[in-house]
Protein backbone atom coordinates (compact mmCIF):
# COMPACT_ATOMS: atom_id res chain seq x y z
CA MET A 1 60.46 106.91 79.66
CA GLN A 2 60.81 107.24 75.83
CA LYS A 3 64.81 107.31 76.20
CA LYS A 4 64.78 104.22 78.31
CA ALA A 5 62.69 102.13 75.76
CA ILE A 6 64.97 103.27 72.84
CA ALA A 7 67.96 102.36 74.97
CA HIS A 8 66.52 98.95 75.84
CA SER A 9 65.66 98.35 71.95
CA ILE A 10 69.22 99.36 70.95
CA PHE A 11 70.77 97.17 73.70
CA GLN A 12 68.46 94.15 72.60
CA GLU A 13 69.36 94.70 68.98
CA VAL A 14 73.22 94.64 69.80
CA ILE A 15 72.72 91.41 71.99
CA GLU A 16 70.76 89.81 69.19
CA VAL A 17 73.56 90.71 66.41
CA LEU A 18 76.36 89.42 68.88
CA PHE A 19 74.62 86.21 69.43
CA GLU A 20 72.60 85.62 66.05
CA ASP A 21 74.85 82.65 64.83
CA ASN A 22 74.56 80.86 68.12
CA ASN A 23 71.78 78.86 69.65
CA PHE A 24 71.70 80.92 73.06
CA ASP A 25 68.32 81.55 74.77
CA ILE A 26 69.34 84.90 76.11
CA ASN A 27 67.35 86.10 79.19
CA MET A 28 67.43 89.96 78.88
CA SER A 29 66.93 90.38 82.57
CA LEU A 30 70.27 88.91 83.47
CA PHE A 31 71.68 91.96 81.34
CA MET A 32 69.13 94.66 82.38
CA PRO A 33 67.92 94.07 85.91
CA ASN A 34 64.91 96.11 86.79
CA ILE A 35 66.27 97.78 89.73
CA GLU A 36 65.14 101.11 88.81
CA ARG A 37 61.59 100.79 90.36
CA ASN A 38 62.48 100.00 93.76
CA PRO A 39 66.31 100.15 94.31
CA ASN A 40 66.22 99.07 98.03
CA ILE A 41 69.85 100.43 98.36
CA LEU A 42 71.63 98.89 101.34
CA ASP A 43 74.03 100.83 103.63
CA PRO A 44 77.76 100.63 102.54
CA MET A 45 78.88 98.10 105.12
CA GLU A 46 76.06 95.62 104.24
CA GLY A 47 76.39 96.15 100.47
CA PHE A 48 80.35 95.68 100.94
CA LEU A 49 79.64 92.24 102.58
CA ARG A 50 77.13 91.13 100.03
CA GLY A 51 78.97 92.32 97.04
CA ASN A 52 76.08 94.35 95.79
CA MET A 53 74.35 97.56 96.96
CA PHE A 54 70.97 96.58 95.75
CA ARG A 55 68.85 94.44 98.22
CA ASN A 56 66.67 92.73 95.59
CA GLU A 57 69.75 91.75 93.56
CA TYR A 58 71.66 89.63 95.95
CA VAL A 59 71.34 86.00 95.34
CA PRO A 60 73.63 83.66 97.42
CA TYR A 61 75.70 81.12 95.98
CA LYS A 62 74.52 77.52 96.87
CA ASN A 63 72.73 78.88 99.93
CA LEU A 64 76.00 80.24 101.42
CA THR A 65 76.05 83.56 102.91
CA TYR A 66 78.70 86.18 103.82
CA PHE A 67 80.06 86.50 107.34
CA LYS A 68 80.63 89.83 109.09
CA LEU A 69 84.01 91.00 109.69
CA ASN A 70 84.96 92.23 113.17
CA PRO A 71 87.65 94.80 113.09
CA LYS A 72 89.54 94.71 116.45
CA THR A 73 90.93 98.32 116.64
CA GLU A 74 89.87 101.63 115.78
CA LYS A 75 92.42 101.73 112.87
CA GLU A 76 90.78 98.61 111.40
CA LYS A 77 87.21 99.90 111.91
CA THR A 78 88.35 103.34 109.87
CA LEU A 79 89.85 101.17 107.16
CA TYR A 80 86.95 98.78 106.98
CA HIS A 81 84.58 101.71 106.60
CA ILE A 82 86.64 103.38 103.90
CA MET A 83 86.74 99.97 102.11
CA ALA A 84 82.94 99.69 102.32
CA LEU A 85 82.66 103.27 101.02
CA SER A 86 84.83 102.74 98.25
CA PHE A 87 82.70 99.56 97.23
CA ALA A 88 79.40 101.73 97.53
CA ILE A 89 80.96 104.42 95.33
CA ASN A 90 81.96 101.90 92.71
CA ASP A 91 78.54 100.18 92.62
CA LEU A 92 76.69 103.17 92.54
CA ASN A 93 78.94 104.40 89.76
CA LEU A 94 77.96 101.35 87.75
CA TYR A 95 74.06 102.01 88.42
CA LEU A 96 74.70 105.67 87.29
CA ASP A 97 76.20 104.51 84.20
CA LEU A 98 72.90 103.09 83.00
CA HIS A 99 70.49 105.48 84.84
CA PRO A 100 72.53 108.96 84.63
CA GLU A 101 69.09 110.75 85.32
CA ASN A 102 68.61 109.30 88.59
CA LYS A 103 68.99 112.32 90.87
CA GLU A 104 68.53 110.43 94.05
CA MET A 105 71.27 107.93 93.40
CA PHE A 106 73.60 110.77 92.32
CA GLU A 107 73.08 112.52 95.47
CA LEU A 108 73.90 109.20 97.40
CA PHE A 109 77.05 108.73 95.22
CA LYS A 110 78.20 112.28 96.14
CA LYS A 111 77.44 111.72 99.81
CA TYR A 112 79.32 108.64 99.94
CA ILE A 113 82.32 110.19 97.99
CA ALA A 114 82.43 113.02 100.66
CA GLU A 115 82.45 110.56 103.47
CA LYS A 116 85.23 108.63 102.02
CA LYS A 117 87.28 111.69 101.42
CA GLU A 118 86.79 112.89 105.00
CA LEU A 119 87.56 109.22 106.55
CA SER A 120 90.51 108.90 104.27
CA ASN A 121 91.96 112.17 105.35
CA LYS A 122 91.33 111.13 109.00
CA TYR A 123 93.06 107.92 108.53
CA SER A 124 96.15 109.25 106.72
CA LYS A 125 96.51 111.83 109.60
CA GLN A 126 96.35 109.10 112.37
CA TYR A 127 97.93 106.07 110.86
CA GLY A 128 99.58 107.09 107.58
CA PRO A 129 98.96 107.37 103.93
CA LEU A 130 96.52 104.91 102.14
CA THR A 131 98.20 105.68 98.72
CA LEU A 132 101.38 107.12 97.53
CA THR A 133 99.89 110.36 97.01
CA LYS A 134 98.75 110.92 100.44
CA THR A 135 102.16 110.84 102.11
CA THR A 136 101.86 113.11 105.40
CA ASN A 137 104.30 115.24 107.49
CA GLN A 138 107.57 116.34 106.05
CA LYS A 139 108.99 112.92 105.25
CA TYR A 140 108.43 109.87 102.96
CA ASN A 141 106.33 107.72 105.09
CA TRP A 142 104.72 105.26 102.53
CA ASP A 143 106.59 102.26 103.79
CA ASP A 144 106.00 103.10 107.57
CA SER A 145 102.84 101.16 107.80
CA PRO A 146 102.54 97.38 108.28
CA TRP A 147 102.46 95.55 104.98
CA PRO A 148 99.71 93.06 104.47
CA TRP A 149 102.20 90.07 105.10
CA ASP A 150 103.20 91.87 108.49
CA ASN A 151 100.15 90.48 110.48
CA LEU A 152 100.48 92.03 113.75
CA GLY A 153 97.80 89.85 115.46
CA GLY A 154 94.75 92.03 113.94
CA SER A 155 92.36 91.05 111.44
CA MET A 156 94.21 92.05 108.24
CA TYR A 157 91.79 92.23 105.25
CA VAL A 158 94.38 92.20 102.54
């Protein structure tokens, strides 16, 4: 607890130095949200759609809300899940940068990494590589998959 208080104090001093010559009224809660007490982590799919993995941090813009994507094929469902896991990993990474001592979040972070790795390998074996380093078989097959502009009637996300 003492480390957090010191870190918060240092952060506040840095903000004050950065903005001391300006007439800004800085609300520190915008920079350091108090999501540590009860994070209410969303599942990766919901977090991906909202753009935030923390239930209490989602504020819709002008009462607009997100819409759910409906993948039409198994290939699209798998890719959608990989994208959601990638988002969850990145968002939890940001959280862990500020709260490295949170073991529960770190375990969830590792779980999502393992799930993404497994799904990515499955996807690469069935449909082709997701990245240049994941070429399969004995030939160069990076360019075998449809490109984003090759919409084949599916719900391309790119």
